PDB file of N, CA and C in Angstrom:
ATOM      1  N   MET A   1     108.040  83.610  91.732  1.00  0.00           N
ATOM      2  CA  MET A   1     107.741  82.886  92.934  1.00  0.00           C
ATOM      3  C   MET A   1     106.284  82.446  92.897  1.00  0.00           C
ATOM      4  N   LYS A   2     106.015  81.294  93.489  1.00  0.00           N
ATOM      5  CA  LYS A   2     104.666  80.733  93.531  1.00  0.00           C
ATOM      6  C   LYS A   2     104.111  80.782  94.949  1.00  0.00           C
ATOM      7  N   ARG A   3     102.801  80.891  95.035  1.00  0.00           N
ATOM      8  CA  ARG A   3     102.087  80.803  96.310  1.00  0.00           C
ATOM      9  C   ARG A   3     101.214  79.561  96.238  1.00  0.00           C
ATOM     10  N   LEU A   4     101.296  78.723  97.249  1.00  0.00           N
ATOM     11  CA  LEU A   4     100.481  77.522  97.348  1.00  0.00           C
ATOM     12  C   LEU A   4      99.614  77.634  98.582  1.00  0.00           C
ATOM     13  N   ASP A   5      98.299  77.527  98.401  1.00  0.00           N
ATOM     14  CA  ASP A   5      97.337  77.507  99.498  1.00  0.00           C
ATOM     15  C   ASP A   5      96.746  76.110  99.579  1.00  0.00           C
ATOM     16  N   LEU A   6      96.874  75.487 100.728  1.00  0.00           N
ATOM     17  CA  LEU A   6      96.299  74.166 100.975  1.00  0.00           C
ATOM     18  C   LEU A   6      95.263  74.300 102.082  1.00  0.00           C
ATOM     19  N   ILE A   7      94.058  73.801 101.844  1.00  0.00           N
ATOM     20  CA  ILE A   7      93.004  73.804 102.863  1.00  0.00           C
ATOM     21  C   ILE A   7      92.470  72.386 102.950  1.00  0.00           C
ATOM     22  N   PHE A   8      92.489  71.828 104.157  1.00  0.00           N
ATOM     23  CA  PHE A   8      92.155  70.413 104.349  1.00  0.00           C
ATOM     24  C   PHE A   8      91.796  70.195 105.812  1.00  0.00           C
ATOM     25  N   SER A   9      91.345  69.002 106.144  1.00  0.00           N
ATOM     26  CA  SER A   9      91.005  68.671 107.520  1.00  0.00           C
ATOM     27  C   SER A   9      92.246  68.698 108.399  1.00  0.00           C
ATOM     28  N   GLU A  10      92.107  69.248 109.595  1.00  0.00           N
ATOM     29  CA  GLU A  10      93.234  69.307 110.531  1.00  0.00           C
ATOM     30  C   GLU A  10      93.793  67.925 110.851  1.00  0.00           C
ATOM     31  N   ARG A  11      92.987  66.901 110.716  1.00  0.00           N
ATOM     32  CA  ARG A  11      93.452  65.542 111.016  1.00  0.00           C
ATOM     33  C   ARG A  11      94.627  65.141 110.125  1.00  0.00           C
ATOM     34  N   GLU A  12      94.709  65.699 108.938  1.00  0.00           N
ATOM     35  CA  GLU A  12      95.778  65.357 108.000  1.00  0.00           C
ATOM     36  C   GLU A  12      96.965  66.316 108.064  1.00  0.00           C
ATOM     37  N   LEU A  13      96.979  67.215 109.022  1.00  0.00           N
ATOM     38  CA  LEU A  13      98.029  68.228 109.085  1.00  0.00           C
ATOM     39  C   LEU A  13      99.428  67.613 109.186  1.00  0.00           C
ATOM     40  N   ASP A  14      99.608  66.631 110.037  1.00  0.00           N
ATOM     41  CA  ASP A  14     100.933  66.017 110.178  1.00  0.00           C
ATOM     42  C   ASP A  14     101.414  65.394 108.871  1.00  0.00           C
ATOM     43  N   GLN A  15     100.505  64.738 108.150  1.00  0.00           N
ATOM     44  CA  GLN A  15     100.873  64.124 106.870  1.00  0.00           C
ATOM     45  C   GLN A  15     101.285  65.185 105.850  1.00  0.00           C
ATOM     46  N   ILE A  16     100.523  66.267 105.799  1.00  0.00           N
ATOM     47  CA  ILE A  16     100.817  67.343 104.851  1.00  0.00           C
ATOM     48  C   ILE A  16     102.167  67.982 105.182  1.00  0.00           C
ATOM     49  N   ILE A  17     102.421  68.235 106.463  1.00  0.00           N
ATOM     50  CA  ILE A  17     103.694  68.827 106.870  1.00  0.00           C
ATOM     51  C   ILE A  17     104.859  67.916 106.485  1.00  0.00           C
ATOM     52  N   LYS A  18     104.711  66.615 106.682  1.00  0.00           N
ATOM     53  CA  LYS A  18     105.767  65.672 106.292  1.00  0.00           C
ATOM     54  C   LYS A  18     106.032  65.750 104.791  1.00  0.00           C
ATOM     55  N   CYS A  19     104.976  65.858 103.999  1.00  0.00           N
ATOM     56  CA  CYS A  19     105.129  65.979 102.549  1.00  0.00           C
ATOM     57  C   CYS A  19     105.886  67.255 102.184  1.00  0.00           C
ATOM     58  N   LEU A  20     105.520  68.355 102.815  1.00  0.00           N
ATOM     59  CA  LEU A  20     106.177  69.624 102.518  1.00  0.00           C
ATOM     60  C   LEU A  20     107.657  69.572 102.888  1.00  0.00           C
ATOM     61  N   GLU A  21     107.944  69.031 104.050  1.00  0.00           N
ATOM     62  CA  GLU A  21     109.339  68.972 104.481  1.00  0.00           C
ATOM     63  C   GLU A  21     110.162  68.021 103.617  1.00  0.00           C
ATOM     64  N   SER A  22     109.548  66.928 103.158  1.00  0.00           N
ATOM     65  CA  SER A  22     110.279  66.012 102.273  1.00  0.00           C
ATOM     66  C   SER A  22     110.501  66.621 100.888  1.00  0.00           C
ATOM     67  N   ALA A  23     109.711  67.636 100.537  1.00  0.00           N
ATOM     68  CA  ALA A  23     109.891  68.345  99.266  1.00  0.00           C
ATOM     69  C   ALA A  23     110.851  69.527  99.428  1.00  0.00           C
ATOM     70  N   ASP A  24     111.421  69.679 100.616  1.00  0.00           N
ATOM     71  CA  ASP A  24     112.393  70.750 100.896  1.00  0.00           C
ATOM     72  C   ASP A  24     111.836  72.147 100.680  1.00  0.00           C
ATOM     73  N   VAL A  25     110.619  72.396 101.190  1.00  0.00           N
ATOM     74  CA  VAL A  25     110.069  73.747 101.083  1.00  0.00           C
ATOM     75  C   VAL A  25     110.892  74.682 101.956  1.00  0.00           C
ATOM     76  N   PRO A  26     111.020  75.945 101.550  1.00  0.00           N
ATOM     77  CA  PRO A  26     111.811  76.886 102.340  1.00  0.00           C
ATOM     78  C   PRO A  26     111.134  77.291 103.646  1.00  0.00           C
ATOM     79  N   GLY A  27     109.837  77.093 103.749  1.00  0.00           N
ATOM     80  CA  GLY A  27     109.069  77.447 104.941  1.00  0.00           C
ATOM     81  C   GLY A  27     107.590  77.363 104.639  1.00  0.00           C
ATOM     82  N   TYR A  28     106.781  77.480 105.664  1.00  0.00           N
ATOM     83  CA  TYR A  28     105.338  77.437 105.496  1.00  0.00           C
ATOM     84  C   TYR A  28     104.674  78.079 106.700  1.00  0.00           C
ATOM     85  N   THR A  29     103.418  78.462 106.535  1.00  0.00           N
ATOM     86  CA  THR A  29     102.611  79.026 107.603  1.00  0.00           C
ATOM     87  C   THR A  29     101.402  78.131 107.792  1.00  0.00           C
ATOM     88  N   VAL A  30     101.080  77.806 109.044  1.00  0.00           N
ATOM     89  CA  VAL A  30      99.932  76.956 109.357  1.00  0.00           C
ATOM     90  C   VAL A  30      98.919  77.771 110.141  1.00  0.00           C
ATOM     91  N   MET A  31      97.687  77.764 109.668  1.00  0.00           N
ATOM     92  CA  MET A  31      96.578  78.398 110.377  1.00  0.00           C
ATOM     93  C   MET A  31      95.566  77.309 110.709  1.00  0.00           C
ATOM     94  N   LYS A  32      95.343  77.075 111.973  1.00  0.00           N
ATOM     95  CA  LYS A  32      94.430  76.018 112.403  1.00  0.00           C
ATOM     96  C   LYS A  32      93.041  76.583 112.661  1.00  0.00           C
ATOM     97  N   HIS A  33      92.083  75.690 112.728  1.00  0.00           N
ATOM     98  CA  HIS A  33      90.686  76.020 113.031  1.00  0.00           C
ATOM     99  C   HIS A  33      90.094  76.994 112.016  1.00  0.00           C
ATOM    100  N   VAL A  34      90.403  76.749 110.761  1.00  0.00           N
ATOM    101  CA  VAL A  34      89.864  77.572 109.685  1.00  0.00           C
ATOM    102  C   VAL A  34      88.429  77.124 109.433  1.00  0.00           C
ATOM    103  N   THR A  35      87.527  78.064 109.405  1.00  0.00           N
ATOM    104  CA  THR A  35      86.137  77.730 109.136  1.00  0.00           C
ATOM    105  C   THR A  35      85.670  78.475 107.903  1.00  0.00           C
ATOM    106  N   GLY A  36      84.589  78.003 107.336  1.00  0.00           N
ATOM    107  CA  GLY A  36      84.044  78.652 106.152  1.00  0.00           C
ATOM    108  C   GLY A  36      82.988  77.784 105.510  1.00  0.00           C
ATOM    109  N   ARG A  37      82.717  78.055 104.269  1.00  0.00           N
ATOM    110  CA  ARG A  37      81.702  77.306 103.530  1.00  0.00           C
ATOM    111  C   ARG A  37      82.346  76.689 102.305  1.00  0.00           C
ATOM    112  N   GLY A  38      82.117  75.401 102.127  1.00  0.00           N
ATOM    113  CA  GLY A  38      82.587  74.694 100.946  1.00  0.00           C
ATOM    114  C   GLY A  38      81.402  74.254 100.113  1.00  0.00           C
ATOM    115  N   PRO A  39      81.664  73.591  98.992  1.00  0.00           N
ATOM    116  CA  PRO A  39      80.570  73.167  98.123  1.00  0.00           C
ATOM    117  C   PRO A  39      79.692  72.084  98.739  1.00  0.00           C
ATOM    118  N   GLU A  40      80.198  71.357  99.722  1.00  0.00           N
ATOM    119  CA  GLU A  40      79.438  70.234 100.266  1.00  0.00           C
ATOM    120  C   GLU A  40      78.819  70.495 101.626  1.00  0.00           C
ATOM    121  N   ARG A  41      79.420  71.372 102.416  1.00  0.00           N
ATOM    122  CA  ARG A  41      78.873  71.601 103.750  1.00  0.00           C
ATOM    123  C   ARG A  41      79.402  72.908 104.327  1.00  0.00           C
ATOM    124  N   ILE A  42      78.769  73.346 105.400  1.00  0.00           N
ATOM    125  CA  ILE A  42      79.194  74.540 106.108  1.00  0.00           C
ATOM    126  C   ILE A  42      79.896  74.105 107.384  1.00  0.00           C
ATOM    127  N   VAL A  43      81.025  74.691 107.664  1.00  0.00           N
ATOM    128  CA  VAL A  43      81.753  74.426 108.903  1.00  0.00           C
ATOM    129  C   VAL A  43      81.437  75.580 109.842  1.00  0.00           C
ATOM    130  N   SER A  44      80.802  75.270 110.954  1.00  0.00           N
ATOM    131  CA  SER A  44      80.413  76.330 111.883  1.00  0.00           C
ATOM    132  C   SER A  44      81.392  76.429 113.036  1.00  0.00           C
ATOM    133  N   GLU A  45      81.299  77.501 113.789  1.00  0.00           N
ATOM    134  CA  GLU A  45      82.141  77.697 114.968  1.00  0.00           C
ATOM    135  C   GLU A  45      81.896  76.598 115.998  1.00  0.00           C
ATOM    136  N   ASP A  46      80.682  76.045 116.070  1.00  0.00           N
ATOM    137  CA  ASP A  46      80.365  74.988 117.027  1.00  0.00           C
ATOM    138  C   ASP A  46      81.219  73.754 116.789  1.00  0.00           C
ATOM    139  N   MET A  47      81.606  73.505 115.565  1.00  0.00           N
ATOM    140  CA  MET A  47      82.382  72.316 115.238  1.00  0.00           C
ATOM    141  C   MET A  47      83.811  72.419 115.751  1.00  0.00           C
ATOM    142  N   GLU A  48      84.293  73.631 116.023  1.00  0.00           N
ATOM    143  CA  GLU A  48      85.650  73.783 116.522  1.00  0.00           C
ATOM    144  C   GLU A  48      85.826  73.145 117.894  1.00  0.00           C
ATOM    145  N   PHE A  49      84.763  73.146 118.701  1.00  0.00           N
ATOM    146  CA  PHE A  49      84.851  72.592 120.053  1.00  0.00           C
ATOM    147  C   PHE A  49      85.191  71.113 120.022  1.00  0.00           C
ATOM    148  N   THR A  50      84.576  70.375 119.117  1.00  0.00           N
ATOM    149  CA  THR A  50      84.818  68.940 119.025  1.00  0.00           C
ATOM    150  C   THR A  50      85.959  68.609 118.086  1.00  0.00           C
ATOM    151  N   GLY A  51      86.310  69.536 117.208  1.00  0.00           N
ATOM    152  CA  GLY A  51      87.332  69.260 116.211  1.00  0.00           C
ATOM    153  C   GLY A  51      86.746  68.677 114.942  1.00  0.00           C
ATOM    154  N   PHE A  52      85.484  68.248 114.994  1.00  0.00           N
ATOM    155  CA  PHE A  52      84.837  67.697 113.808  1.00  0.00           C
ATOM    156  C   PHE A  52      84.628  68.819 112.806  1.00  0.00           C
ATOM    157  N   GLY A  53      85.155  68.635 111.640  1.00  0.00           N
ATOM    158  CA  GLY A  53      84.960  69.629 110.598  1.00  0.00           C
ATOM    159  C   GLY A  53      85.972  70.758 110.605  1.00  0.00           C
ATOM    160  N   ALA A  54      86.880  70.776 111.593  1.00  0.00           N
ATOM    161  CA  ALA A  54      87.873  71.846 111.646  1.00  0.00           C
ATOM    162  C   ALA A  54      88.898  71.644 110.535  1.00  0.00           C
ATOM    163  N   ASN A  55      89.240  72.717 109.882  1.00  0.00           N
ATOM    164  CA  ASN A  55      90.199  72.674 108.784  1.00  0.00           C
ATOM    165  C   ASN A  55      91.475  73.405 109.149  1.00  0.00           C
ATOM    166  N   ALA A  56      92.508  73.145 108.375  1.00  0.00           N
ATOM    167  CA  ALA A  56      93.764  73.874 108.474  1.00  0.00           C
ATOM    168  C   ALA A  56      94.044  74.518 107.122  1.00  0.00           C
ATOM    169  N   HIS A  57      94.730  75.637 107.157  1.00  0.00           N
ATOM    170  CA  HIS A  57      95.153  76.339 105.941  1.00  0.00           C
ATOM    171  C   HIS A  57      96.668  76.459 106.027  1.00  0.00           C
ATOM    172  N   VAL A  58      97.348  75.880 105.054  1.00  0.00           N
ATOM    173  CA  VAL A  58      98.805  75.954 105.009  1.00  0.00           C
ATOM    174  C   VAL A  58      99.182  76.796 103.798  1.00  0.00           C
ATOM    175  N   LEU A  59     100.052  77.745 104.029  1.00  0.00           N
ATOM    176  CA  LEU A  59     100.490  78.682 103.002  1.00  0.00           C
ATOM    177  C   LEU A  59     101.984  78.493 102.772  1.00  0.00           C
ATOM    178  N   VAL A  60     102.357  78.323 101.499  1.00  0.00           N
ATOM    179  CA  VAL A  60     103.760  78.102 101.136  1.00  0.00           C
ATOM    180  C   VAL A  60     104.132  79.063 100.013  1.00  0.00           C
ATOM    181  N   PHE A  61     105.282  79.687 100.130  1.00  0.00           N
ATOM    182  CA  PHE A  61     105.866  80.476  99.045  1.00  0.00           C
ATOM    183  C   PHE A  61     107.137  79.760  98.616  1.00  0.00           C
ATOM    184  N   CYS A  62     107.236  79.437  97.332  1.00  0.00           N
ATOM    185  CA  CYS A  62     108.389  78.667  96.859  1.00  0.00           C
ATOM    186  C   CYS A  62     108.580  78.895  95.361  1.00  0.00           C
ATOM    187  N   ASN A  63     109.655  78.323  94.827  1.00  0.00           N
ATOM    188  CA  ASN A  63     109.896  78.421  93.391  1.00  0.00           C
ATOM    189  C   ASN A  63     109.147  77.291  92.654  1.00  0.00           C
ATOM    190  N   GLU A  64     109.158  77.363  91.357  1.00  0.00           N
ATOM    191  CA  GLU A  64     108.436  76.402  90.508  1.00  0.00           C
ATOM    192  C   GLU A  64     108.934  74.971  90.712  1.00  0.00           C
ATOM    193  N   GLU A  65     110.229  74.792  90.854  1.00  0.00           N
ATOM    194  CA  GLU A  65     110.795  73.449  91.016  1.00  0.00           C
ATOM    195  C   GLU A  65     110.310  72.799  92.310  1.00  0.00           C
ATOM    196  N   THR A  66     110.267  73.565  93.381  1.00  0.00           N
ATOM    197  CA  THR A  66     109.768  73.045  94.660  1.00  0.00           C
ATOM    198  C   THR A  66     108.294  72.701  94.554  1.00  0.00           C
ATOM    199  N   LEU A  67     107.537  73.548  93.890  1.00  0.00           N
ATOM    200  CA  LEU A  67     106.106  73.299  93.702  1.00  0.00           C
ATOM    201  C   LEU A  67     105.879  71.982  92.967  1.00  0.00           C
ATOM    202  N   LYS A  68     106.715  71.697  91.990  1.00  0.00           N
ATOM    203  CA  LYS A  68     106.591  70.436  91.243  1.00  0.00           C
ATOM    204  C   LYS A  68     106.885  69.223  92.121  1.00  0.00           C
ATOM    205  N   ARG A  69     107.723  69.384  93.125  1.00  0.00           N
ATOM    206  CA  ARG A  69     107.992  68.282  94.061  1.00  0.00           C
ATOM    207  C   ARG A  69     106.856  68.105  95.064  1.00  0.00           C
ATOM    208  N   ILE A  70     106.194  69.193  95.414  1.00  0.00           N
ATOM    209  CA  ILE A  70     105.110  69.134  96.403  1.00  0.00           C
ATOM    210  C   ILE A  70     103.880  68.427  95.839  1.00  0.00           C
ATOM    211  N   GLY A  71     103.493  68.757  94.623  1.00  0.00           N
ATOM    212  CA  GLY A  71     102.255  68.247  94.027  1.00  0.00           C
ATOM    213  C   GLY A  71     102.051  66.747  94.135  1.00  0.00           C
ATOM    214  N   PRO A  72     102.986  65.933  93.646  1.00  0.00           N
ATOM    215  CA  PRO A  72     102.788  64.482  93.706  1.00  0.00           C
ATOM    216  C   PRO A  72     102.726  63.922  95.123  1.00  0.00           C
ATOM    217  N   LYS A  73     103.288  64.634  96.079  1.00  0.00           N
ATOM    218  CA  LYS A  73     103.262  64.159  97.462  1.00  0.00           C
ATOM    219  C   LYS A  73     101.941  64.502  98.154  1.00  0.00           C
ATOM    220  N   VAL A  74     101.401  65.677  97.854  1.00  0.00           N
ATOM    221  CA  VAL A  74     100.212  66.174  98.543  1.00  0.00           C
ATOM    222  C   VAL A  74      98.914  65.729  97.879  1.00  0.00           C
ATOM    223  N   LYS A  75      98.896  65.634  96.555  1.00  0.00           N
ATOM    224  CA  LYS A  75      97.656  65.302  95.834  1.00  0.00           C
ATOM    225  C   LYS A  75      96.986  64.019  96.318  1.00  0.00           C
ATOM    226  N   PRO A  76      97.716  62.922  96.530  1.00  0.00           N
ATOM    227  CA  PRO A  76      97.036  61.705  96.994  1.00  0.00           C
ATOM    228  C   PRO A  76      96.315  61.879  98.335  1.00  0.00           C
ATOM    229  N   ILE A  77      96.892  62.669  99.223  1.00  0.00           N
ATOM    230  CA  ILE A  77      96.252  62.909 100.521  1.00  0.00           C
ATOM    231  C   ILE A  77      94.981  63.722 100.347  1.00  0.00           C
ATOM    232  N   LEU A  78      95.053  64.778  99.556  1.00  0.00           N
ATOM    233  CA  LEU A  78      93.878  65.614  99.316  1.00  0.00           C
ATOM    234  C   LEU A  78      92.790  64.844  98.579  1.00  0.00           C
ATOM    235  N   ASN A  79      93.181  64.025  97.616  1.00  0.00           N
ATOM    236  CA  ASN A  79      92.195  63.235  96.872  1.00  0.00           C
ATOM    237  C   ASN A  79      91.501  62.212  97.762  1.00  0.00           C
ATOM    238  N   TYR A  80      92.228  61.611  98.675  1.00  0.00           N
ATOM    239  CA  TYR A  80      91.660  60.556  99.526  1.00  0.00           C
ATOM    240  C   TYR A  80      90.824  61.134 100.669  1.00  0.00           C
ATOM    241  N   TYR A  81      91.372  62.131 101.365  1.00  0.00           N
ATOM    242  CA  TYR A  81      90.703  62.669 102.548  1.00  0.00           C
ATOM    243  C   TYR A  81      89.864  63.910 102.266  1.00  0.00           C
ATOM    244  N   GLY A  82      90.114  64.543 101.134  1.00  0.00           N
ATOM    245  CA  GLY A  82      89.421  65.783 100.812  1.00  0.00           C
ATOM    246  C   GLY A  82      90.301  66.981 101.125  1.00  0.00           C
ATOM    247  N   GLY A  83      90.064  68.021 100.415  1.00  0.00           N
ATOM    248  CA  GLY A  83      90.835  69.243 100.588  1.00  0.00           C
ATOM    249  C   GLY A  83      91.112  69.861  99.239  1.00  0.00           C
ATOM    250  N   VAL A  84      91.659  71.059  99.271  1.00  0.00           N
ATOM    251  CA  VAL A  84      91.947  71.764  98.020  1.00  0.00           C
ATOM    252  C   VAL A  84      93.357  72.333  98.061  1.00  0.00           C
ATOM    253  N   ALA A  85      93.909  72.520  96.889  1.00  0.00           N
ATOM    254  CA  ALA A  85      95.213  73.148  96.726  1.00  0.00           C
ATOM    255  C   ALA A  85      95.124  74.111  95.547  1.00  0.00           C
ATOM    256  N   TYR A  86      95.537  75.342  95.763  1.00  0.00           N
ATOM    257  CA  TYR A  86      95.525  76.349  94.708  1.00  0.00           C
ATOM    258  C   TYR A  86      96.890  77.014  94.644  1.00  0.00           C
ATOM    259  N   THR A  87      97.320  77.295  93.432  1.00  0.00           N
ATOM    260  CA  THR A  87      98.573  78.005  93.247  1.00  0.00           C
ATOM    261  C   THR A  87      98.304  79.335  92.560  1.00  0.00           C
ATOM    262  N   SER A  88      99.187  80.263  92.812  1.00  0.00           N
ATOM    263  CA  SER A  88      99.116  81.562  92.153  1.00  0.00           C
ATOM    264  C   SER A  88     100.516  82.163  92.115  1.00  0.00           C
ATOM    265  N   GLU A  89     100.659  83.202  91.325  1.00  0.00           N
ATOM    266  CA  GLU A  89     101.925  83.927  91.255  1.00  0.00           C
ATOM    267  C   GLU A  89     102.046  84.837  92.462  1.00  0.00           C
ATOM    268  N   ALA A  90     103.247  84.996  92.960  1.00  0.00           N
ATOM    269  CA  ALA A  90     103.478  85.873  94.105  1.00  0.00           C
ATOM    270  C   ALA A  90     104.752  86.668  93.876  1.00  0.00           C
ATOM    271  N   SER A  91     104.772  87.882  94.395  1.00  0.00           N
ATOM    272  CA  SER A  91     105.974  88.693  94.339  1.00  0.00           C
ATOM    273  C   SER A  91     106.083  89.454  95.646  1.00  0.00           C
ATOM    274  N   SER A  92     107.299  89.688  96.063  1.00  0.00           N
ATOM    275  CA  SER A  92     107.506  90.430  97.307  1.00  0.00           C
ATOM    276  C   SER A  92     107.482  91.919  97.029  1.00  0.00           C
ATOM    277  N   LEU A  93     107.243  92.681  98.060  1.00  0.00           N
ATOM    278  CA  LEU A  93     107.205  94.149  97.917  1.00  0.00           C
ATOM    279  C   LEU A  93     108.593  94.722  97.820  1.00  0.00           C
TER     280      LEU A  93
END
């Protein structure tokens, strides 16, 4: 099983969700108002009030075939608007 972590601007959340659903993911978790430090800037708690700089973190657990369908749909959005996607191996307890 694969784990996919997507972190991107909340403004693109609807687009990312549409991509995931069109790739037939079995499910996903959305965490809004994610803050932290990236290579280009720091997102502070003050930015959450206006929404400027607020990020979302979407977590997906799926098989390799589903992951291959997600990549081509999500990459153009992340490349254009910014964001990151990381995959790793996952196993249940």
